[in-house]
Amino acid sequence: MSKKSSADAAQTAAPPASFEEAMAELAQLVAQMEAGQLPLEASVAAYQRGSELVKYCAQQLDKVESQVKVREGDMLKPFADNQEELA
């Protein structure tokens, strides 16, 4: 039984292919946990995986923010200001 659990944990620990995939998996984990149908060990594993996914998403958002700063000359402009300029 522990071998199967280890294999399942290794399989689910694979990094997501994209931000969107990570968010979808995170939403699925949250739904499963909120349903309250997971056994204790599965709940702990889901929590750990969710933490990994949150960290991955935060890193991806930081990368995108850095790219925006570079494109805007190291000055991140609020999106609302850009919309007002276009109006």
PDB file of N, CA and C in Angstrom:
ATOM      1  N   MET A   1       0.820  -1.194   0.000  1.00  0.00           N
ATOM      2  CA  MET A   1       0.000   0.000   0.000  1.00  0.00           C
ATOM      3  C   MET A   1       0.863   1.258   0.000  1.00  0.00           C
ATOM      4  N   SER A   2       1.958   1.247   0.762  1.00  0.00           N
ATOM      5  CA  SER A   2       2.806   2.428   0.795  1.00  0.00           C
ATOM      6  C   SER A   2       3.511   2.657  -0.530  1.00  0.00           C
ATOM      7  N   LYS A   3       3.801   1.576  -1.275  1.00  0.00           N
ATOM      8  CA  LYS A   3       4.426   1.738  -2.583  1.00  0.00           C
ATOM      9  C   LYS A   3       3.482   2.458  -3.539  1.00  0.00           C
ATOM     10  N   LYS A   4       2.204   2.101  -3.495  1.00  0.00           N
ATOM     11  CA  LYS A   4       1.228   2.749  -4.362  1.00  0.00           C
ATOM     12  C   LYS A   4       1.072   4.220  -3.980  1.00  0.00           C
ATOM     13  N   SER A   5       1.040   4.508  -2.694  1.00  0.00           N
ATOM     14  CA  SER A   5       0.923   5.891  -2.250  1.00  0.00           C
ATOM     15  C   SER A   5       2.124   6.701  -2.682  1.00  0.00           C
ATOM     16  N   SER A   6       3.324   6.128  -2.600  1.00  0.00           N
ATOM     17  CA  SER A   6       4.532   6.825  -3.025  1.00  0.00           C
ATOM     18  C   SER A   6       4.497   7.095  -4.513  1.00  0.00           C
ATOM     19  N   ALA A   7       4.031   6.131  -5.281  1.00  0.00           N
ATOM     20  CA  ALA A   7       3.940   6.306  -6.734  1.00  0.00           C
ATOM     21  C   ALA A   7       2.921   7.390  -7.066  1.00  0.00           C
ATOM     22  N   ASP A   8       1.790   7.386  -6.367  1.00  0.00           N
ATOM     23  CA  ASP A   8       0.773   8.416  -6.590  1.00  0.00           C
ATOM     24  C   ASP A   8       1.317   9.792  -6.224  1.00  0.00           C
ATOM     25  N   ALA A   9       2.036   9.876  -5.113  1.00  0.00           N
ATOM     26  CA  ALA A   9       2.593  11.154  -4.679  1.00  0.00           C
ATOM     27  C   ALA A   9       3.621  11.656  -5.683  1.00  0.00           C
ATOM     28  N   ALA A  10       4.467  10.778  -6.188  1.00  0.00           N
ATOM     29  CA  ALA A  10       5.475  11.179  -7.175  1.00  0.00           C
ATOM     30  C   ALA A  10       4.807  11.634  -8.461  1.00  0.00           C
ATOM     31  N   GLN A  11       3.738  10.957  -8.841  1.00  0.00           N
ATOM     32  CA  GLN A  11       3.036  11.301 -10.067  1.00  0.00           C
ATOM     33  C   GLN A  11       2.362  12.671  -9.946  1.00  0.00           C
ATOM     34  N   THR A  12       1.751  12.954  -8.809  1.00  0.00           N
ATOM     35  CA  THR A  12       1.070  14.225  -8.637  1.00  0.00           C
ATOM     36  C   THR A  12       2.049  15.351  -8.347  1.00  0.00           C
ATOM     37  N   ALA A  13       3.284  15.041  -7.958  1.00  0.00           N
ATOM     38  CA  ALA A  13       4.258  16.073  -7.637  1.00  0.00           C
ATOM     39  C   ALA A  13       4.921  16.646  -8.886  1.00  0.00           C
ATOM     40  N   ALA A  14       4.604  16.131 -10.053  1.00  0.00           N
ATOM     41  CA  ALA A  14       5.179  16.654 -11.283  1.00  0.00           C
ATOM     42  C   ALA A  14       4.772  18.115 -11.447  1.00  0.00           C
ATOM     43  N   PRO A  15       5.713  18.951 -11.884  1.00  0.00           N
ATOM     44  CA  PRO A  15       5.353  20.364 -12.046  1.00  0.00           C
ATOM     45  C   PRO A  15       4.315  20.551 -13.145  1.00  0.00           C
ATOM     46  N   PRO A  16       3.421  21.499 -12.976  1.00  0.00           N
ATOM     47  CA  PRO A  16       2.398  21.731 -13.993  1.00  0.00           C
ATOM     48  C   PRO A  16       3.032  22.267 -15.273  1.00  0.00           C
ATOM     49  N   ALA A  17       2.369  22.036 -16.393  1.00  0.00           N
ATOM     50  CA  ALA A  17       2.878  22.479 -17.691  1.00  0.00           C
ATOM     51  C   ALA A  17       2.676  23.976 -17.889  1.00  0.00           C
ATOM     52  N   SER A  18       1.693  24.556 -17.190  1.00  0.00           N
ATOM     53  CA  SER A  18       1.400  25.973 -17.378  1.00  0.00           C
ATOM     54  C   SER A  18       0.705  26.530 -16.140  1.00  0.00           C
ATOM     55  N   PHE A  19       0.620  27.843 -16.103  1.00  0.00           N
ATOM     56  CA  PHE A  19      -0.100  28.532 -15.029  1.00  0.00           C
ATOM     57  C   PHE A  19      -1.559  28.081 -15.009  1.00  0.00           C
ATOM     58  N   GLU A  20      -2.163  28.017 -16.192  1.00  0.00           N
ATOM     59  CA  GLU A  20      -3.574  27.634 -16.284  1.00  0.00           C
ATOM     60  C   GLU A  20      -3.803  26.205 -15.791  1.00  0.00           C
ATOM     61  N   GLU A  21      -2.877  25.309 -16.124  1.00  0.00           N
ATOM     62  CA  GLU A  21      -2.991  23.926 -15.651  1.00  0.00           C
ATOM     63  C   GLU A  21      -2.880  23.873 -14.131  1.00  0.00           C
ATOM     64  N   ALA A  22      -1.968  24.648 -13.575  1.00  0.00           N
ATOM     65  CA  ALA A  22      -1.800  24.686 -12.124  1.00  0.00           C
ATOM     66  C   ALA A  22      -3.066  25.209 -11.449  1.00  0.00           C
ATOM     67  N   MET A  23      -3.646  26.268 -12.004  1.00  0.00           N
ATOM     68  CA  MET A  23      -4.868  26.833 -11.426  1.00  0.00           C
ATOM     69  C   MET A  23      -6.028  25.836 -11.502  1.00  0.00           C
ATOM     70  N   ALA A  24      -6.127  25.112 -12.612  1.00  0.00           N
ATOM     71  CA  ALA A  24      -7.199  24.122 -12.760  1.00  0.00           C
ATOM     72  C   ALA A  24      -7.029  22.994 -11.742  1.00  0.00           C
ATOM     73  N   GLU A  25      -5.794  22.527 -11.581  1.00  0.00           N
ATOM     74  CA  GLU A  25      -5.543  21.461 -10.609  1.00  0.00           C
ATOM     75  C   GLU A  25      -5.815  21.957  -9.196  1.00  0.00           C
ATOM     76  N   LEU A  26      -5.428  23.184  -8.913  1.00  0.00           N
ATOM     77  CA  LEU A  26      -5.669  23.763  -7.593  1.00  0.00           C
ATOM     78  C   LEU A  26      -7.170  23.865  -7.310  1.00  0.00           C
ATOM     79  N   ALA A  27      -7.936  24.298  -8.300  1.00  0.00           N
ATOM     80  CA  ALA A  27      -9.394  24.394  -8.132  1.00  0.00           C
ATOM     81  C   ALA A  27     -10.003  23.019  -7.863  1.00  0.00           C
ATOM     82  N   GLN A  28      -9.489  22.009  -8.558  1.00  0.00           N
ATOM     83  CA  GLN A  28      -9.980  20.643  -8.359  1.00  0.00           C
ATOM     84  C   GLN A  28      -9.662  20.151  -6.945  1.00  0.00           C
ATOM     85  N   LEU A  29      -8.448  20.433  -6.475  1.00  0.00           N
ATOM     86  CA  LEU A  29      -8.068  20.024  -5.123  1.00  0.00           C
ATOM     87  C   LEU A  29      -8.941  20.711  -4.072  1.00  0.00           C
ATOM     88  N   VAL A  30      -9.179  21.992  -4.260  1.00  0.00           N
ATOM     89  CA  VAL A  30     -10.012  22.738  -3.318  1.00  0.00           C
ATOM     90  C   VAL A  30     -11.422  22.154  -3.274  1.00  0.00           C
ATOM     91  N   ALA A  31     -11.970  21.846  -4.435  1.00  0.00           N
ATOM     92  CA  ALA A  31     -13.321  21.274  -4.487  1.00  0.00           C
ATOM     93  C   ALA A  31     -13.370  19.934  -3.753  1.00  0.00           C
ATOM     94  N   GLN A  32     -12.355  19.103  -3.958  1.00  0.00           N
ATOM     95  CA  GLN A  32     -12.310  17.803  -3.285  1.00  0.00           C
ATOM     96  C   GLN A  32     -12.211  17.976  -1.772  1.00  0.00           C
ATOM     97  N   MET A  33     -11.372  18.911  -1.349  1.00  0.00           N
ATOM     98  CA  MET A  33     -11.196  19.117   0.091  1.00  0.00           C
ATOM     99  C   MET A  33     -12.454  19.717   0.720  1.00  0.00           C
ATOM    100  N   GLU A  34     -13.082  20.644   0.022  1.00  0.00           N
ATOM    101  CA  GLU A  34     -14.302  21.260   0.554  1.00  0.00           C
ATOM    102  C   GLU A  34     -15.454  20.270   0.634  1.00  0.00           C
ATOM    103  N   ALA A  35     -15.445  19.267  -0.238  1.00  0.00           N
ATOM    104  CA  ALA A  35     -16.504  18.254  -0.216  1.00  0.00           C
ATOM    105  C   ALA A  35     -16.407  17.388   1.035  1.00  0.00           C
ATOM    106  N   GLY A  36     -15.212  17.339   1.632  1.00  0.00           N
ATOM    107  CA  GLY A  36     -15.030  16.575   2.864  1.00  0.00           C
ATOM    108  C   GLY A  36     -15.057  15.073   2.684  1.00  0.00           C
ATOM    109  N   GLN A  37     -14.841  14.608   1.475  1.00  0.00           N
ATOM    110  CA  GLN A  37     -14.922  13.175   1.210  1.00  0.00           C
ATOM    111  C   GLN A  37     -13.553  12.479   1.224  1.00  0.00           C
ATOM    112  N   LEU A  38     -12.462  13.258   1.338  1.00  0.00           N
ATOM    113  CA  LEU A  38     -11.129  12.664   1.301  1.00  0.00           C
ATOM    114  C   LEU A  38     -10.747  12.098   2.664  1.00  0.00           C
ATOM    115  N   PRO A  39     -10.089  10.935   2.673  1.00  0.00           N
ATOM    116  CA  PRO A  39      -9.555  10.435   3.932  1.00  0.00           C
ATOM    117  C   PRO A  39      -8.427  11.359   4.423  1.00  0.00           C
ATOM    118  N   LEU A  40      -8.042  11.218   5.668  1.00  0.00           N
ATOM    119  CA  LEU A  40      -7.064  12.110   6.279  1.00  0.00           C
ATOM    120  C   LEU A  40      -5.763  12.176   5.482  1.00  0.00           C
ATOM    121  N   GLU A  41      -5.187  11.045   5.118  1.00  0.00           N
ATOM    122  CA  GLU A  41      -3.919  11.034   4.381  1.00  0.00           C
ATOM    123  C   GLU A  41      -4.059  11.734   3.034  1.00  0.00           C
ATOM    124  N   ALA A  42      -5.161  11.515   2.350  1.00  0.00           N
ATOM    125  CA  ALA A  42      -5.392  12.158   1.059  1.00  0.00           C
ATOM    126  C   ALA A  42      -5.576  13.657   1.231  1.00  0.00           C
ATOM    127  N   SER A  43      -6.204  14.064   2.327  1.00  0.00           N
ATOM    128  CA  SER A  43      -6.385  15.494   2.600  1.00  0.00           C
ATOM    129  C   SER A  43      -5.038  16.180   2.831  1.00  0.00           C
ATOM    130  N   VAL A  44      -4.171  15.523   3.582  1.00  0.00           N
ATOM    131  CA  VAL A  44      -2.840  16.082   3.832  1.00  0.00           C
ATOM    132  C   VAL A  44      -2.054  16.171   2.526  1.00  0.00           C
ATOM    133  N   ALA A  45      -2.122  15.121   1.711  1.00  0.00           N
ATOM    134  CA  ALA A  45      -1.432  15.138   0.417  1.00  0.00           C
ATOM    135  C   ALA A  45      -1.991  16.224  -0.492  1.00  0.00           C
ATOM    136  N   ALA A  46      -3.307  16.402  -0.483  1.00  0.00           N
ATOM    137  CA  ALA A  46      -3.936  17.437  -1.299  1.00  0.00           C
ATOM    138  C   ALA A  46      -3.507  18.823  -0.822  1.00  0.00           C
ATOM    139  N   TYR A  47      -3.421  19.002   0.476  1.00  0.00           N
ATOM    140  CA  TYR A  47      -2.977  20.281   1.028  1.00  0.00           C
ATOM    141  C   TYR A  47      -1.543  20.585   0.606  1.00  0.00           C
ATOM    142  N   GLN A  48      -0.675  19.568   0.698  1.00  0.00           N
ATOM    143  CA  GLN A  48       0.725  19.755   0.308  1.00  0.00           C
ATOM    144  C   GLN A  48       0.838  20.093  -1.176  1.00  0.00           C
ATOM    145  N   ARG A  49       0.100  19.379  -2.001  1.00  0.00           N
ATOM    146  CA  ARG A  49       0.127  19.646  -3.440  1.00  0.00           C
ATOM    147  C   ARG A  49      -0.420  21.040  -3.731  1.00  0.00           C
ATOM    148  N   GLY A  50      -1.477  21.414  -3.046  1.00  0.00           N
ATOM    149  CA  GLY A  50      -2.036  22.746  -3.214  1.00  0.00           C
ATOM    150  C   GLY A  50      -1.030  23.822  -2.863  1.00  0.00           C
ATOM    151  N   SER A  51      -0.265  23.615  -1.808  1.00  0.00           N
ATOM    152  CA  SER A  51       0.773  24.573  -1.419  1.00  0.00           C
ATOM    153  C   SER A  51       1.830  24.698  -2.507  1.00  0.00           C
ATOM    154  N   GLU A  52       2.214  23.567  -3.108  1.00  0.00           N
ATOM    155  CA  GLU A  52       3.184  23.586  -4.203  1.00  0.00           C
ATOM    156  C   GLU A  52       2.634  24.352  -5.404  1.00  0.00           C
ATOM    157  N   LEU A  53       1.369  24.126  -5.702  1.00  0.00           N
ATOM    158  CA  LEU A  53       0.745  24.804  -6.840  1.00  0.00           C
ATOM    159  C   LEU A  53       0.631  26.309  -6.617  1.00  0.00           C
ATOM    160  N   VAL A  54       0.303  26.706  -5.393  1.00  0.00           N
ATOM    161  CA  VAL A  54       0.218  28.134  -5.076  1.00  0.00           C
ATOM    162  C   VAL A  54       1.587  28.781  -5.251  1.00  0.00           C
ATOM    163  N   LYS A  55       2.622  28.096  -4.777  1.00  0.00           N
ATOM    164  CA  LYS A  55       3.979  28.629  -4.916  1.00  0.00           C
ATOM    165  C   LYS A  55       4.356  28.742  -6.396  1.00  0.00           C
ATOM    166  N   TYR A  56       4.034  27.730  -7.186  1.00  0.00           N
ATOM    167  CA  TYR A  56       4.319  27.748  -8.625  1.00  0.00           C
ATOM    168  C   TYR A  56       3.599  28.924  -9.293  1.00  0.00           C
ATOM    169  N   CYS A  57       2.333  29.110  -8.980  1.00  0.00           N
ATOM    170  CA  CYS A  57       1.552  30.202  -9.583  1.00  0.00           C
ATOM    171  C   CYS A  57       2.122  31.558  -9.194  1.00  0.00           C
ATOM    172  N   ALA A  58       2.516  31.707  -7.949  1.00  0.00           N
ATOM    173  CA  ALA A  58       3.097  32.972  -7.493  1.00  0.00           C
ATOM    174  C   ALA A  58       4.398  33.259  -8.238  1.00  0.00           C
ATOM    175  N   GLN A  59       5.202  32.223  -8.457  1.00  0.00           N
ATOM    176  CA  GLN A  59       6.453  32.403  -9.196  1.00  0.00           C
ATOM    177  C   GLN A  59       6.172  32.813 -10.634  1.00  0.00           C
ATOM    178  N   GLN A  60       5.173  32.202 -11.244  1.00  0.00           N
ATOM    179  CA  GLN A  60       4.828  32.546 -12.623  1.00  0.00           C
ATOM    180  C   GLN A  60       4.333  33.988 -12.714  1.00  0.00           C
ATOM    181  N   LEU A  61       3.530  34.413 -11.754  1.00  0.00           N
ATOM    182  CA  LEU A  61       3.040  35.789 -11.738  1.00  0.00           C
ATOM    183  C   LEU A  61       4.188  36.778 -11.536  1.00  0.00           C
ATOM    184  N   ASP A  62       5.160  36.419 -10.681  1.00  0.00           N
ATOM    185  CA  ASP A  62       6.330  37.272 -10.484  1.00  0.00           C
ATOM    186  C   ASP A  62       7.123  37.422 -11.776  1.00  0.00           C
ATOM    187  N   LYS A  63       7.262  36.325 -12.522  1.00  0.00           N
ATOM    188  CA  LYS A  63       7.976  36.380 -13.806  1.00  0.00           C
ATOM    189  C   LYS A  63       7.271  37.320 -14.779  1.00  0.00           C
ATOM    190  N   VAL A  64       5.972  37.199 -14.858  1.00  0.00           N
ATOM    191  CA  VAL A  64       5.210  38.046 -15.775  1.00  0.00           C
ATOM    192  C   VAL A  64       5.299  39.510 -15.340  1.00  0.00           C
ATOM    193  N   GLU A  65       5.223  39.755 -14.045  1.00  0.00           N
ATOM    194  CA  GLU A  65       5.343  41.123 -13.553  1.00  0.00           C
ATOM    195  C   GLU A  65       6.702  41.708 -13.927  1.00  0.00           C
ATOM    196  N   SER A  66       7.754  40.912 -13.826  1.00  0.00           N
ATOM    197  CA  SER A  66       9.087  41.370 -14.219  1.00  0.00           C
ATOM    198  C   SER A  66       9.139  41.703 -15.697  1.00  0.00           C
ATOM    199  N   GLN A  67       8.502  40.883 -16.512  1.00  0.00           N
ATOM    200  CA  GLN A  67       8.475  41.139 -17.947  1.00  0.00           C
ATOM    201  C   GLN A  67       7.734  42.434 -18.255  1.00  0.00           C
ATOM    202  N   VAL A  68       6.650  42.681 -17.547  1.00  0.00           N
ATOM    203  CA  VAL A  68       5.881  43.916 -17.751  1.00  0.00           C
ATOM    204  C   VAL A  68       6.727  45.118 -17.349  1.00  0.00           C
ATOM    205  N   LYS A  69       7.443  45.003 -16.232  1.00  0.00           N
ATOM    206  CA  LYS A  69       8.299  46.104 -15.777  1.00  0.00           C
ATOM    207  C   LYS A  69       9.365  46.423 -16.822  1.00  0.00           C
ATOM    208  N   VAL A  70       9.952  45.406 -17.406  1.00  0.00           N
ATOM    209  CA  VAL A  70      10.968  45.611 -18.430  1.00  0.00           C
ATOM    210  C   VAL A  70      10.355  46.331 -19.619  1.00  0.00           C
ATOM    211  N   ARG A  71       9.181  45.899 -20.028  1.00  0.00           N
ATOM    212  CA  ARG A  71       8.520  46.512 -21.173  1.00  0.00           C
ATOM    213  C   ARG A  71       8.067  47.944 -20.885  1.00  0.00           C
ATOM    214  N   GLU A  72       7.816  48.249 -19.634  1.00  0.00           N
ATOM    215  CA  GLU A  72       7.353  49.584 -19.258  1.00  0.00           C
ATOM    216  C   GLU A  72       8.504  50.445 -18.730  1.00  0.00           C
ATOM    217  N   GLY A  73       9.750  50.007 -18.930  1.00  0.00           N
ATOM    218  CA  GLY A  73      10.897  50.788 -18.480  1.00  0.00           C
ATOM    219  C   GLY A  73      11.079  50.787 -16.978  1.00  0.00           C
ATOM    220  N   ASP A  74      10.970  49.633 -16.336  1.00  0.00           N
ATOM    221  CA  ASP A  74      11.132  49.469 -14.890  1.00  0.00           C
ATOM    222  C   ASP A  74      10.104  50.243 -14.070  1.00  0.00           C
ATOM    223  N   MET A  75       9.050  50.687 -14.698  1.00  0.00           N
ATOM    224  CA  MET A  75       8.001  51.395 -13.962  1.00  0.00           C
ATOM    225  C   MET A  75       6.675  50.707 -14.260  1.00  0.00           C
ATOM    226  N   LEU A  76       6.205  49.963 -13.299  1.00  0.00           N
ATOM    227  CA  LEU A  76       4.959  49.230 -13.470  1.00  0.00           C
ATOM    228  C   LEU A  76       3.791  50.200 -13.335  1.00  0.00           C
ATOM    229  N   LYS A  77       3.044  50.344 -14.407  1.00  0.00           N
ATOM    230  CA  LYS A  77       1.921  51.275 -14.421  1.00  0.00           C
ATOM    231  C   LYS A  77       0.628  50.533 -14.099  1.00  0.00           C
ATOM    232  N   PRO A  78      -0.230  51.117 -13.282  1.00  0.00           N
ATOM    233  CA  PRO A  78      -1.517  50.471 -12.993  1.00  0.00           C
ATOM    234  C   PRO A  78      -2.350  50.329 -14.262  1.00  0.00           C
ATOM    235  N   PHE A  79      -3.064  49.249 -14.371  1.00  0.00           N
ATOM    236  CA  PHE A  79      -3.885  48.974 -15.546  1.00  0.00           C
ATOM    237  C   PHE A  79      -4.973  50.035 -15.708  1.00  0.00           C
ATOM    238  N   ALA A  80      -5.549  50.505 -14.621  1.00  0.00           N
ATOM    239  CA  ALA A  80      -6.636  51.490 -14.677  1.00  0.00           C
ATOM    240  C   ALA A  80      -6.168  52.777 -15.338  1.00  0.00           C
ATOM    241  N   ASP A  81      -4.925  53.192 -15.076  1.00  0.00           N
ATOM    242  CA  ASP A  81      -4.394  54.407 -15.689  1.00  0.00           C
ATOM    243  C   ASP A  81      -4.319  54.263 -17.202  1.00  0.00           C
ATOM    244  N   ASN A  82      -3.929  53.082 -17.654  1.00  0.00           N
ATOM    245  CA  ASN A  82      -3.841  52.833 -19.099  1.00  0.00           C
ATOM    246  C   ASN A  82      -5.220  52.923 -19.754  1.00  0.00           C
ATOM    247  N   GLN A  83      -6.247  52.462 -19.072  1.00  0.00           N
ATOM    248  CA  GLN A  83      -7.599  52.506 -19.614  1.00  0.00           C
ATOM    249  C   GLN A  83      -8.098  53.943 -19.710  1.00  0.00           C
ATOM    250  N   GLU A  84      -7.749  54.768 -18.715  1.00  0.00           N
ATOM    251  CA  GLU A  84      -8.178  56.164 -18.732  1.00  0.00           C
ATOM    252  C   GLU A  84      -7.517  56.922 -19.871  1.00  0.00           C
ATOM    253  N   GLU A  85      -6.236  56.588 -20.180  1.00  0.00           N
ATOM    254  CA  GLU A  85      -5.520  57.253 -21.262  1.00  0.00           C
ATOM    255  C   GLU A  85      -6.154  56.931 -22.604  1.00  0.00           C
ATOM    256  N   LEU A  86      -6.690  55.720 -22.736  1.00  0.00           N
ATOM    257  CA  LEU A  86      -7.288  55.290 -24.001  1.00  0.00           C
ATOM    258  C   LEU A  86      -8.658  55.929 -24.226  1.00  0.00           C
ATOM    259  N   ALA A  87      -9.318  56.322 -23.144  1.00  0.00           N
ATOM    260  CA  ALA A  87     -10.676  56.879 -23.249  1.00  0.00           C
ATOM    261  C   ALA A  87     -10.694  58.287 -23.765  1.00  0.00           C
TER     262      ALA A  87
END
